[in-house]
Amino acid sequence: MASNLAINDELLNNAFIIGGYSSKKETVNTALQEFIQRRKSEELINLFGTVEYDSNYDYKKLRARNIK
């Protein structure tokens, strides 16, 4: 999908130099991937303290193996 975007040249050039990428396309694609990863991480962080656990859950019992 071809797109025609008005991207801030200063930001793009800084990211290009700092990242050491071989093309501006690679710079933008990597920046988008990092943005998505960061947002997904933030979603997980926001779940902290909101999940209720079963008080009878015994992880040690589930780890035990019946080896004969």
PDB file of N, CA and C in Angstrom:
ATOM      1  N   MET A   1       0.851  -1.165   0.000  1.00  0.00           N
ATOM      2  CA  MET A   1       0.000   0.000   0.000  1.00  0.00           C
ATOM      3  C   MET A   1       0.901   1.234   0.000  1.00  0.00           C
ATOM      4  N   ALA A   2       0.876   1.953  -1.052  1.00  0.00           N
ATOM      5  CA  ALA A   2       1.678   3.165  -1.160  1.00  0.00           C
ATOM      6  C   ALA A   2       0.984   4.299  -0.418  1.00  0.00           C
ATOM      7  N   SER A   3       1.786   5.081   0.299  1.00  0.00           N
ATOM      8  CA  SER A   3       1.249   6.214   1.056  1.00  0.00           C
ATOM      9  C   SER A   3       2.104   7.433   0.791  1.00  0.00           C
ATOM     10  N   ASN A   4       1.461   8.555   0.802  1.00  0.00           N
ATOM     11  CA  ASN A   4       2.161   9.817   0.640  1.00  0.00           C
ATOM     12  C   ASN A   4       1.975  10.586   1.940  1.00  0.00           C
ATOM     13  N   LEU A   5       3.020  10.613   2.786  1.00  0.00           N
ATOM     14  CA  LEU A   5       2.923  11.203   4.106  1.00  0.00           C
ATOM     15  C   LEU A   5       3.804  12.435   4.223  1.00  0.00           C
ATOM     16  N   ALA A   6       3.333  13.398   4.982  1.00  0.00           N
ATOM     17  CA  ALA A   6       4.138  14.578   5.302  1.00  0.00           C
ATOM     18  C   ALA A   6       4.804  14.308   6.644  1.00  0.00           C
ATOM     19  N   ILE A   7       6.033  13.788   6.599  1.00  0.00           N
ATOM     20  CA  ILE A   7       6.764  13.423   7.813  1.00  0.00           C
ATOM     21  C   ILE A   7       7.775  14.515   8.128  1.00  0.00           C
ATOM     22  N   ASN A   8       7.881  14.852   9.387  1.00  0.00           N
ATOM     23  CA  ASN A   8       8.839  15.850   9.837  1.00  0.00           C
ATOM     24  C   ASN A   8      10.250  15.380   9.477  1.00  0.00           C
ATOM     25  N   ASP A   9      10.895  16.126   8.576  1.00  0.00           N
ATOM     26  CA  ASP A   9      12.226  15.735   8.086  1.00  0.00           C
ATOM     27  C   ASP A   9      13.264  15.665   9.194  1.00  0.00           C
ATOM     28  N   GLU A  10      13.198  16.571  10.151  1.00  0.00           N
ATOM     29  CA  GLU A  10      14.175  16.575  11.240  1.00  0.00           C
ATOM     30  C   GLU A  10      14.049  15.316  12.091  1.00  0.00           C
ATOM     31  N   LEU A  11      12.805  14.945  12.422  1.00  0.00           N
ATOM     32  CA  LEU A  11      12.583  13.719  13.203  1.00  0.00           C
ATOM     33  C   LEU A  11      13.040  12.484  12.430  1.00  0.00           C
ATOM     34  N   LEU A  12      12.687  12.443  11.161  1.00  0.00           N
ATOM     35  CA  LEU A  12      13.054  11.295  10.342  1.00  0.00           C
ATOM     36  C   LEU A  12      14.569  11.179  10.214  1.00  0.00           C
ATOM     37  N   ASN A  13      15.240  12.281   9.964  1.00  0.00           N
ATOM     38  CA  ASN A  13      16.699  12.246   9.826  1.00  0.00           C
ATOM     39  C   ASN A  13      17.373  11.861  11.139  1.00  0.00           C
ATOM     40  N   ASN A  14      16.877  12.367  12.261  1.00  0.00           N
ATOM     41  CA  ASN A  14      17.438  11.988  13.568  1.00  0.00           C
ATOM     42  C   ASN A  14      17.282  10.493  13.810  1.00  0.00           C
ATOM     43  N   ALA A  15      16.093   9.954  13.546  1.00  0.00           N
ATOM     44  CA  ALA A  15      15.853   8.519  13.729  1.00  0.00           C
ATOM     45  C   ALA A  15      16.728   7.705  12.785  1.00  0.00           C
ATOM     46  N   PHE A  16      16.890   8.181  11.573  1.00  0.00           N
ATOM     47  CA  PHE A  16      17.713   7.514  10.558  1.00  0.00           C
ATOM     48  C   PHE A  16      19.169   7.423  11.025  1.00  0.00           C
ATOM     49  N   ILE A  17      19.683   8.527  11.545  1.00  0.00           N
ATOM     50  CA  ILE A  17      21.078   8.583  12.002  1.00  0.00           C
ATOM     51  C   ILE A  17      21.262   7.768  13.279  1.00  0.00           C
ATOM     52  N   ILE A  18      20.395   7.984  14.255  1.00  0.00           N
ATOM     53  CA  ILE A  18      20.514   7.290  15.540  1.00  0.00           C
ATOM     54  C   ILE A  18      20.365   5.787  15.375  1.00  0.00           C
ATOM     55  N   GLY A  19      19.429   5.376  14.539  1.00  0.00           N
ATOM     56  CA  GLY A  19      19.186   3.952  14.339  1.00  0.00           C
ATOM     57  C   GLY A  19      20.200   3.285  13.433  1.00  0.00           C
ATOM     58  N   GLY A  20      20.898   4.075  12.643  1.00  0.00           N
ATOM     59  CA  GLY A  20      21.871   3.516  11.717  1.00  0.00           C
ATOM     60  C   GLY A  20      21.234   2.674  10.620  1.00  0.00           C
ATOM     61  N   TYR A  21      20.060   3.052  10.196  1.00  0.00           N
ATOM     62  CA  TYR A  21      19.337   2.292   9.188  1.00  0.00           C
ATOM     63  C   TYR A  21      19.873   2.572   7.798  1.00  0.00           C
ATOM     64  N   SER A  22      19.574   1.670   6.865  1.00  0.00           N
ATOM     65  CA  SER A  22      20.081   1.815   5.503  1.00  0.00           C
ATOM     66  C   SER A  22      19.134   2.598   4.604  1.00  0.00           C
ATOM     67  N   SER A  23      17.910   2.813   5.062  1.00  0.00           N
ATOM     68  CA  SER A  23      16.952   3.578   4.256  1.00  0.00           C
ATOM     69  C   SER A  23      15.935   4.266   5.175  1.00  0.00           C
ATOM     70  N   LYS A  24      15.279   5.264   4.625  1.00  0.00           N
ATOM     71  CA  LYS A  24      14.242   5.956   5.393  1.00  0.00           C
ATOM     72  C   LYS A  24      13.028   5.045   5.579  1.00  0.00           C
ATOM     73  N   LYS A  25      12.776   4.191   4.597  1.00  0.00           N
ATOM     74  CA  LYS A  25      11.674   3.227   4.700  1.00  0.00           C
ATOM     75  C   LYS A  25      11.906   2.295   5.883  1.00  0.00           C
ATOM     76  N   GLU A  26      13.123   1.783   6.009  1.00  0.00           N
ATOM     77  CA  GLU A  26      13.464   0.904   7.129  1.00  0.00           C
ATOM     78  C   GLU A  26      13.316   1.648   8.459  1.00  0.00           C
ATOM     79  N   THR A  27      13.699   2.920   8.457  1.00  0.00           N
ATOM     80  CA  THR A  27      13.580   3.751   9.664  1.00  0.00           C
ATOM     81  C   THR A  27      12.127   3.869  10.095  1.00  0.00           C
ATOM     82  N   VAL A  28      11.263   4.185   9.160  1.00  0.00           N
ATOM     83  CA  VAL A  28       9.838   4.365   9.470  1.00  0.00           C
ATOM     84  C   VAL A  28       9.204   3.045   9.891  1.00  0.00           C
ATOM     85  N   ASN A  29       9.507   1.960   9.175  1.00  0.00           N
ATOM     86  CA  ASN A  29       8.933   0.659   9.534  1.00  0.00           C
ATOM     87  C   ASN A  29       9.370   0.217  10.923  1.00  0.00           C
ATOM     88  N   THR A  30      10.632   0.419  11.248  1.00  0.00           N
ATOM     89  CA  THR A  30      11.126   0.051  12.575  1.00  0.00           C
ATOM     90  C   THR A  30      10.477   0.914  13.644  1.00  0.00           C
ATOM     91  N   ALA A  31      10.339   2.199  13.373  1.00  0.00           N
ATOM     92  CA  ALA A  31       9.697   3.097  14.330  1.00  0.00           C
ATOM     93  C   ALA A  31       8.254   2.674  14.591  1.00  0.00           C
ATOM     94  N   LEU A  32       7.550   2.276  13.562  1.00  0.00           N
ATOM     95  CA  LEU A  32       6.167   1.818  13.731  1.00  0.00           C
ATOM     96  C   LEU A  32       6.110   0.527  14.542  1.00  0.00           C
ATOM     97  N   GLN A  33       7.028  -0.389  14.279  1.00  0.00           N
ATOM     98  CA  GLN A  33       7.063  -1.641  15.048  1.00  0.00           C
ATOM     99  C   GLN A  33       7.340  -1.361  16.520  1.00  0.00           C
ATOM    100  N   GLU A  34       8.292  -0.482  16.799  1.00  0.00           N
ATOM    101  CA  GLU A  34       8.610  -0.142  18.187  1.00  0.00           C
ATOM    102  C   GLU A  34       7.443   0.552  18.866  1.00  0.00           C
ATOM    103  N   PHE A  35       6.742   1.405  18.137  1.00  0.00           N
ATOM    104  CA  PHE A  35       5.565   2.089  18.681  1.00  0.00           C
ATOM    105  C   PHE A  35       4.500   1.074  19.081  1.00  0.00           C
ATOM    106  N   ILE A  36       4.248   0.108  18.204  1.00  0.00           N
ATOM    107  CA  ILE A  36       3.234  -0.921  18.485  1.00  0.00           C
ATOM    108  C   ILE A  36       3.639  -1.758  19.689  1.00  0.00           C
ATOM    109  N   GLN A  37       4.905  -2.172  19.755  1.00  0.00           N
ATOM    110  CA  GLN A  37       5.383  -2.960  20.897  1.00  0.00           C
ATOM    111  C   GLN A  37       5.221  -2.184  22.199  1.00  0.00           C
ATOM    112  N   ARG A  38       5.556  -0.908  22.188  1.00  0.00           N
ATOM    113  CA  ARG A  38       5.460  -0.088  23.393  1.00  0.00           C
ATOM    114  C   ARG A  38       4.005   0.024  23.851  1.00  0.00           C
ATOM    115  N   ARG A  39       3.096   0.251  22.915  1.00  0.00           N
ATOM    116  CA  ARG A  39       1.684   0.376  23.279  1.00  0.00           C
ATOM    117  C   ARG A  39       1.134  -0.934  23.831  1.00  0.00           C
ATOM    118  N   LYS A  40       1.527  -2.056  23.246  1.00  0.00           N
ATOM    119  CA  LYS A  40       1.070  -3.352  23.755  1.00  0.00           C
ATOM    120  C   LYS A  40       1.626  -3.601  25.151  1.00  0.00           C
ATOM    121  N   SER A  41       2.869  -3.192  25.379  1.00  0.00           N
ATOM    122  CA  SER A  41       3.474  -3.334  26.710  1.00  0.00           C
ATOM    123  C   SER A  41       2.721  -2.494  27.730  1.00  0.00           C
ATOM    124  N   GLU A  42       2.334  -1.288  27.335  1.00  0.00           N
ATOM    125  CA  GLU A  42       1.587  -0.420  28.234  1.00  0.00           C
ATOM    126  C   GLU A  42       0.240  -1.036  28.600  1.00  0.00           C
ATOM    127  N   GLU A  43      -0.392  -1.709  27.642  1.00  0.00           N
ATOM    128  CA  GLU A  43      -1.663  -2.380  27.917  1.00  0.00           C
ATOM    129  C   GLU A  43      -1.481  -3.451  28.980  1.00  0.00           C
ATOM    130  N   LEU A  44      -0.386  -4.218  28.882  1.00  0.00           N
ATOM    131  CA  LEU A  44      -0.108  -5.254  29.881  1.00  0.00           C
ATOM    132  C   LEU A  44       0.189  -4.645  31.244  1.00  0.00           C
ATOM    133  N   ILE A  45       0.959  -3.575  31.261  1.00  0.00           N
ATOM    134  CA  ILE A  45       1.300  -2.912  32.518  1.00  0.00           C
ATOM    135  C   ILE A  45       0.033  -2.409  33.208  1.00  0.00           C
ATOM    136  N   ASN A  46      -0.906  -1.921  32.429  1.00  0.00           N
ATOM    137  CA  ASN A  46      -2.157  -1.416  33.000  1.00  0.00           C
ATOM    138  C   ASN A  46      -3.005  -2.518  33.622  1.00  0.00           C
ATOM    139  N   LEU A  47      -2.722  -3.774  33.288  1.00  0.00           N
ATOM    140  CA  LEU A  47      -3.460  -4.894  33.878  1.00  0.00           C
ATOM    141  C   LEU A  47      -2.976  -5.243  35.287  1.00  0.00           C
ATOM    142  N   PHE A  48      -1.766  -4.795  35.648  1.00  0.00           N
ATOM    143  CA  PHE A  48      -1.235  -5.093  36.978  1.00  0.00           C
ATOM    144  C   PHE A  48      -2.204  -4.618  38.054  1.00  0.00           C
ATOM    145  N   GLY A  49      -2.496  -5.509  38.976  1.00  0.00           N
ATOM    146  CA  GLY A  49      -3.394  -5.180  40.071  1.00  0.00           C
ATOM    147  C   GLY A  49      -4.866  -5.343  39.744  1.00  0.00           C
ATOM    148  N   THR A  50      -5.184  -5.715  38.512  1.00  0.00           N
ATOM    149  CA  THR A  50      -6.591  -5.849  38.138  1.00  0.00           C
ATOM    150  C   THR A  50      -7.026  -7.310  37.999  1.00  0.00           C
ATOM    151  N   VAL A  51      -6.065  -8.223  38.024  1.00  0.00           N
ATOM    152  CA  VAL A  51      -6.374  -9.647  37.856  1.00  0.00           C
ATOM    153  C   VAL A  51      -6.515 -10.283  39.227  1.00  0.00           C
ATOM    154  N   GLU A  52      -7.621 -10.988  39.429  1.00  0.00           N
ATOM    155  CA  GLU A  52      -7.844 -11.679  40.695  1.00  0.00           C
ATOM    156  C   GLU A  52      -7.451 -13.143  40.533  1.00  0.00           C
ATOM    157  N   TYR A  53      -6.688 -13.630  41.490  1.00  0.00           N
ATOM    158  CA  TYR A  53      -6.211 -15.004  41.442  1.00  0.00           C
ATOM    159  C   TYR A  53      -6.985 -15.869  42.421  1.00  0.00           C
ATOM    160  N   ASP A  54      -7.104 -17.130  42.078  1.00  0.00           N
ATOM    161  CA  ASP A  54      -7.755 -18.106  42.934  1.00  0.00           C
ATOM    162  C   ASP A  54      -6.843 -18.399  44.129  1.00  0.00           C
ATOM    163  N   SER A  55      -7.327 -18.203  45.333  1.00  0.00           N
ATOM    164  CA  SER A  55      -6.506 -18.403  46.531  1.00  0.00           C
ATOM    165  C   SER A  55      -6.130 -19.869  46.735  1.00  0.00           C
ATOM    166  N   ASN A  56      -6.847 -20.795  46.098  1.00  0.00           N
ATOM    167  CA  ASN A  56      -6.554 -22.219  46.219  1.00  0.00           C
ATOM    168  C   ASN A  56      -5.573 -22.719  45.159  1.00  0.00           C
ATOM    169  N   TYR A  57      -5.123 -21.840  44.307  1.00  0.00           N
ATOM    170  CA  TYR A  57      -4.198 -22.216  43.228  1.00  0.00           C
ATOM    171  C   TYR A  57      -2.849 -22.611  43.817  1.00  0.00           C
ATOM    172  N   ASP A  58      -2.351 -23.789  43.414  1.00  0.00           N
ATOM    173  CA  ASP A  58      -1.080 -24.294  43.931  1.00  0.00           C
ATOM    174  C   ASP A  58      -0.156 -24.602  42.758  1.00  0.00           C
ATOM    175  N   TYR A  59       0.695 -23.647  42.418  1.00  0.00           N
ATOM    176  CA  TYR A  59       1.563 -23.825  41.269  1.00  0.00           C
ATOM    177  C   TYR A  59       2.574 -24.942  41.496  1.00  0.00           C
ATOM    178  N   LYS A  60       2.985 -25.167  42.730  1.00  0.00           N
ATOM    179  CA  LYS A  60       3.948 -26.230  43.009  1.00  0.00           C
ATOM    180  C   LYS A  60       3.338 -27.603  42.710  1.00  0.00           C
ATOM    181  N   LYS A  61       2.071 -27.770  43.027  1.00  0.00           N
ATOM    182  CA  LYS A  61       1.397 -29.032  42.758  1.00  0.00           C
ATOM    183  C   LYS A  61       1.317 -29.276  41.244  1.00  0.00           C
ATOM    184  N   LEU A  62       1.092 -28.218  40.482  1.00  0.00           N
ATOM    185  CA  LEU A  62       1.001 -28.376  39.037  1.00  0.00           C
ATOM    186  C   LEU A  62       2.355 -28.655  38.409  1.00  0.00           C
ATOM    187  N   ARG A  63       3.429 -28.239  39.065  1.00  0.00           N
ATOM    188  CA  ARG A  63       4.780 -28.489  38.547  1.00  0.00           C
ATOM    189  C   ARG A  63       5.245 -29.912  38.807  1.00  0.00           C
ATOM    190  N   ALA A  64       4.674 -30.536  39.820  1.00  0.00           N
ATOM    191  CA  ALA A  64       5.099 -31.902  40.205  1.00  0.00           C
ATOM    192  C   ALA A  64       4.791 -32.864  39.053  1.00  0.00           C
ATOM    193  N   ARG A  65       5.739 -33.751  38.805  1.00  0.00           N
ATOM    194  CA  ARG A  65       5.550 -34.744  37.748  1.00  0.00           C
ATOM    195  C   ARG A  65       5.560 -36.131  38.386  1.00  0.00           C
ATOM    196  N   ASN A  66       4.761 -36.979  37.844  1.00  0.00           N
ATOM    197  CA  ASN A  66       4.748 -38.369  38.288  1.00  0.00           C
ATOM    198  C   ASN A  66       5.731 -39.140  37.428  1.00  0.00           C
ATOM    199  N   ILE A  67       6.958 -39.207  37.872  1.00  0.00           N
ATOM    200  CA  ILE A  67       7.996 -39.929  37.139  1.00  0.00           C
ATOM    201  C   ILE A  67       8.178 -41.287  37.815  1.00  0.00           C
ATOM    202  N   LYS A  68       8.017 -42.317  37.055  1.00  0.00           N
ATOM    203  CA  LYS A  68       8.123 -43.677  37.600  1.00  0.00           C
ATOM    204  C   LYS A  68       9.273 -44.402  36.990  1.00  0.00           C
TER     205      LYS A  68
END
